[in-house]
C-alpha atoms as a PDB file:
ATOM      1  CA  UNK A   1      -4.587 -20.342   3.924  1.00  0.00           C
ATOM      2  CA  UNK A   2      -6.324 -17.579   6.608  1.00  0.00           C
ATOM      3  CA  UNK A   3      -9.794 -17.826   4.977  1.00  0.00           C
ATOM      4  CA  UNK A   4     -12.432 -20.648   4.985  1.00  0.00           C
ATOM      5  CA  UNK A   5     -13.267 -22.904   2.221  1.00  0.00           C
ATOM      6  CA  UNK A   6     -16.859 -21.505   2.139  1.00  0.00           C
ATOM      7  CA  UNK A   7     -15.848 -18.178   1.271  1.00  0.00           C
ATOM      8  CA  UNK A   8     -16.150 -16.537  -2.100  1.00  0.00           C
ATOM      9  CA  UNK A   9     -14.672 -13.829  -3.967  1.00  0.00           C
ATOM     10  CA  UNK A  10     -17.097 -10.840  -2.642  1.00  0.00           C
ATOM     11  CA  UNK A  11     -17.009 -12.177   0.857  1.00  0.00           C
ATOM     12  CA  UNK A  12     -12.752 -12.375   0.810  1.00  0.00           C
ATOM     13  CA  UNK A  13     -13.144  -8.894  -0.798  1.00  0.00           C
ATOM     14  CA  UNK A  14     -15.338  -7.427   2.200  1.00  0.00           C
ATOM     15  CA  UNK A  15     -12.596  -8.688   4.557  1.00  0.00           C
ATOM     16  CA  UNK A  16     -10.329  -7.464   2.688  1.00  0.00           C
ATOM     17  CA  UNK A  17     -11.442  -4.217   2.901  1.00  0.00           C
ATOM     18  CA  UNK A  18     -12.737  -4.223   6.329  1.00  0.00           C
ATOM     19  CA  UNK A  19      -8.932  -5.064   7.133  1.00  0.00           C
ATOM     20  CA  UNK A  20      -7.333  -2.407   5.722  1.00  0.00           C
ATOM     21  CA  UNK A  21      -9.731   0.238   6.949  1.00  0.00           C
ATOM     22  CA  UNK A  22      -9.094  -1.003  10.347  1.00  0.00           C
ATOM     23  CA  UNK A  23      -5.027  -1.110   9.622  1.00  0.00           C
ATOM     24  CA  UNK A  24      -4.926   2.356   8.068  1.00  0.00           C
ATOM     25  CA  UNK A  25      -7.311   3.970  11.064  1.00  0.00           C
ATOM     26  CA  UNK A  26      -4.800   2.393  13.835  1.00  0.00           C
ATOM     27  CA  UNK A  27      -1.840   3.743  11.164  1.00  0.00           C
ATOM     28  CA  UNK A  28      -3.424   7.375  11.345  1.00  0.00           C
ATOM     29  CA  UNK A  29      -3.722   7.092  15.066  1.00  0.00           C
ATOM     30  CA  UNK A  30       0.165   6.283  15.371  1.00  0.00           C
ATOM     31  CA  UNK A  31       0.716   8.955  13.162  1.00  0.00           C
ATOM     32  CA  UNK A  32      -1.429  11.701  14.497  1.00  0.00           C
ATOM     33  CA  UNK A  33       0.109  10.795  17.594  1.00  0.00           C
ATOM     34  CA  UNK A  34       3.676  11.308  16.628  1.00  0.00           C
ATOM     35  CA  UNK A  35       3.370  14.360  14.706  1.00  0.00           C
ATOM     36  CA  UNK A  36       1.317  15.974  17.586  1.00  0.00           C
ATOM     37  CA  UNK A  37       3.507  14.879  20.354  1.00  0.00           C
ATOM     38  CA  UNK A  38       6.514  14.220  19.914  1.00  0.00           C
ATOM     39  CA  UNK A  39       7.722  15.621  16.538  1.00  0.00           C
ATOM     40  CA  UNK A  40       5.568  19.230  17.208  1.00  0.00           C
ATOM     41  CA  UNK A  41       8.294  21.531  17.999  1.00  0.00           C
ATOM     42  CA  UNK A  42      10.741  19.740  15.406  1.00  0.00           C
ATOM     43  CA  UNK A  43      12.142  22.423  12.902  1.00  0.00           C
ATOM     44  CA  UNK A  44      12.956  19.973   9.944  1.00  0.00           C
ATOM     45  CA  UNK A  45      14.934  22.971   7.634  1.00  0.00           C
ATOM     46  CA  UNK A  46      16.880  24.404  10.632  1.00  0.00           C
ATOM     47  CA  UNK A  47      17.927  20.785  11.140  1.00  0.00           C
ATOM     48  CA  UNK A  48      18.656  20.036   8.136  1.00  0.00           C
ATOM     49  CA  UNK A  49      21.251  23.016   7.696  1.00  0.00           C
ATOM     50  CA  UNK A  50      22.879  22.365  11.371  1.00  0.00           C
ATOM     51  CA  UNK A  51      23.525  18.942   9.969  1.00  0.00           C
ATOM     52  CA  UNK A  52      24.818  20.567   6.557  1.00  0.00           C
ATOM     53  CA  UNK A  53      27.280  23.039   8.614  1.00  0.00           C
ATOM     54  CA  UNK A  54      28.191  20.231  10.785  1.00  0.00           C
ATOM     55  CA  UNK A  55      28.897  18.080   7.781  1.00  0.00           C
ATOM     56  CA  UNK A  56      30.666  20.358   5.636  1.00  0.00           C
ATOM     57  CA  UNK A  57      32.856  21.963   8.312  1.00  0.00           C
ATOM     58  CA  UNK A  58      34.646  18.753   8.891  1.00  0.00           C
ATOM     59  CA  UNK A  59      38.244  18.677   8.357  1.00  0.00           C
ATOM     60  CA  UNK A  60      39.766  16.564   5.803  1.00  0.00           C
ATOM     61  CA  UNK A  61      41.577  13.275   7.195  1.00  0.00           C
ATOM     62  CA  UNK A  62      44.873  14.719   5.696  1.00  0.00           C
ATOM     63  CA  UNK A  63      44.314  18.057   6.715  1.00  0.00           C
ATOM     64  CA  UNK A  64      46.208  17.710  10.322  1.00  0.00           C
ATOM     65  CA  UNK A  65      49.352  15.532   8.208  1.00  0.00           C
ATOM     66  CA  UNK A  66      51.984  18.529   7.488  1.00  0.00           C
ATOM     67  CA  UNK A  67      54.267  17.762   4.587  1.00  0.00           C
ATOM     68  CA  UNK A  68      57.169  18.080   6.886  1.00  0.00           C
ATOM     69  CA  UNK A  69      55.590  15.065   8.982  1.00  0.00           C
ATOM     70  CA  UNK A  70      55.354  12.575   5.825  1.00  0.00           C
ATOM     71  CA  UNK A  71      58.865  13.627   4.560  1.00  0.00           C
ATOM     72  CA  UNK A  72      60.271  12.860   7.795  1.00  0.00           C
ATOM     73  CA  UNK A  73      58.440   9.544   8.210  1.00  0.00           C
ATOM     74  CA  UNK A  74      59.976   8.671   4.678  1.00  0.00           C
ATOM     75  CA  UNK A  75      63.547   9.729   5.932  1.00  0.00           C
ATOM     76  CA  UNK A  76      63.341   7.669   8.792  1.00  0.00           C
ATOM     77  CA  UNK A  77      61.975   4.153   6.856  1.00  0.00           C
ATOM     78  CA  UNK A  78      65.078   5.248   4.831  1.00  0.00           C
ATOM     79  CA  UNK A  79      67.390   4.547   7.308  1.00  0.00           C
ATOM     80  CA  UNK A  80      65.603   1.709   8.761  1.00  0.00           C
ATOM     81  CA  UNK A  81      65.422  -0.075   5.447  1.00  0.00           C
ATOM     82  CA  UNK A  82      61.422  -0.224   5.752  1.00  0.00           C
ATOM     83  CA  UNK A  83      61.222   1.939   2.962  1.00  0.00           C
ATOM     84  CA  UNK A  84      61.686   0.939  -1.088  1.00  0.00           C
ATOM     85  CA  UNK A  85      62.295   3.079  -3.421  1.00  0.00           C
ATOM     86  CA  UNK A  86      59.722   1.789  -6.321  1.00  0.00           C
ATOM     87  CA  UNK A  87      61.723   0.626  -9.650  1.00  0.00           C
ATOM     88  CA  UNK A  88      62.982   3.409 -12.337  1.00  0.00           C
ATOM     89  CA  UNK A  89      61.178   2.052 -15.567  1.00  0.00           C
ATOM     90  CA  UNK A  90      57.703   2.119 -13.121  1.00  0.00           C
ATOM     91  CA  UNK A  91      58.558   5.350 -12.667  1.00  0.00           C
ATOM     92  CA  UNK A  92      59.088   6.238 -16.148  1.00  0.00           C
ATOM     93  CA  UNK A  93      55.645   4.020 -17.712  1.00  0.00           C
ATOM     94  CA  UNK A  94      53.648   6.370 -14.998  1.00  0.00           C
ATOM     95  CA  UNK A  95      55.322   9.596 -16.335  1.00  0.00           C
ATOM     96  CA  UNK A  96      54.657   8.549 -19.849  1.00  0.00           C
ATOM     97  CA  UNK A  97      51.154   7.131 -18.624  1.00  0.00           C
ATOM     98  CA  UNK A  98      50.639  10.976 -17.545  1.00  0.00           C
ATOM     99  CA  UNK A  99      52.522  12.671 -20.167  1.00  0.00           C
ATOM    100  CA  UNK A 100      49.913  10.774 -22.969  1.00  0.00           C
ATOM    101  CA  UNK A 101      46.749  11.809 -20.735  1.00  0.00           C
ATOM    102  CA  UNK A 102      47.975  15.306 -20.975  1.00  0.00           C
ATOM    103  CA  UNK A 103      48.692  15.380 -24.262  1.00  0.00           C
ATOM    104  CA  UNK A 104      45.216  13.600 -24.682  1.00  0.00           C
ATOM    105  CA  UNK A 105      43.521  16.122 -22.328  1.00  0.00           C
ATOM    106  CA  UNK A 106      45.344  19.267 -24.661  1.00  0.00           C
ATOM    107  CA  UNK A 107      43.579  17.427 -28.075  1.00  0.00           C
ATOM    108  CA  UNK A 108      40.362  16.903 -26.626  1.00  0.00           C
ATOM    109  CA  UNK A 109      40.560  20.666 -25.230  1.00  0.00           C
ATOM    110  CA  UNK A 110      41.199  22.135 -28.942  1.00  0.00           C
ATOM    111  CA  UNK A 111      38.251  23.219 -31.216  1.00  0.00           C
ATOM    112  CA  UNK A 112      37.215  21.348 -33.987  1.00  0.00           C
ATOM    113  CA  UNK A 113      38.099  22.823 -37.556  1.00  0.00           C
ATOM    114  CA  UNK A 114      35.201  23.696 -39.733  1.00  0.00           C
ATOM    115  CA  UNK A 115      36.421  21.728 -42.585  1.00  0.00           C
ATOM    116  CA  UNK A 116      37.063  18.497 -40.234  1.00  0.00           C
ATOM    117  CA  UNK A 117      33.311  18.966 -39.302  1.00  0.00           C
ATOM    118  CA  UNK A 118      31.871  18.929 -42.462  1.00  0.00           C
END
């Protein structure tokens, strides 16, 4: 432990208060120097607006890919035998799942009759 054996509760409290006071005073000096010196010319709202503009105007990763390029890549890979078409049963299951999902969305979007609510 970092205190002497003879120290009691009151002595420990005084030591804590002195240590905390010195630490907070040092922190205050560092923050005052930081805010007055380094960050004095920092305009936070302007910098946040600039950051948001840069962030929101980033091009979408797929925005530079044209549909023709995708189709051409599929066509070339089919010629070279790299592209394998998914089985028809898999496509049918996907279509059925999408159809079921659309039907459920339509049912959920319809208003509930007043008789059914009671």
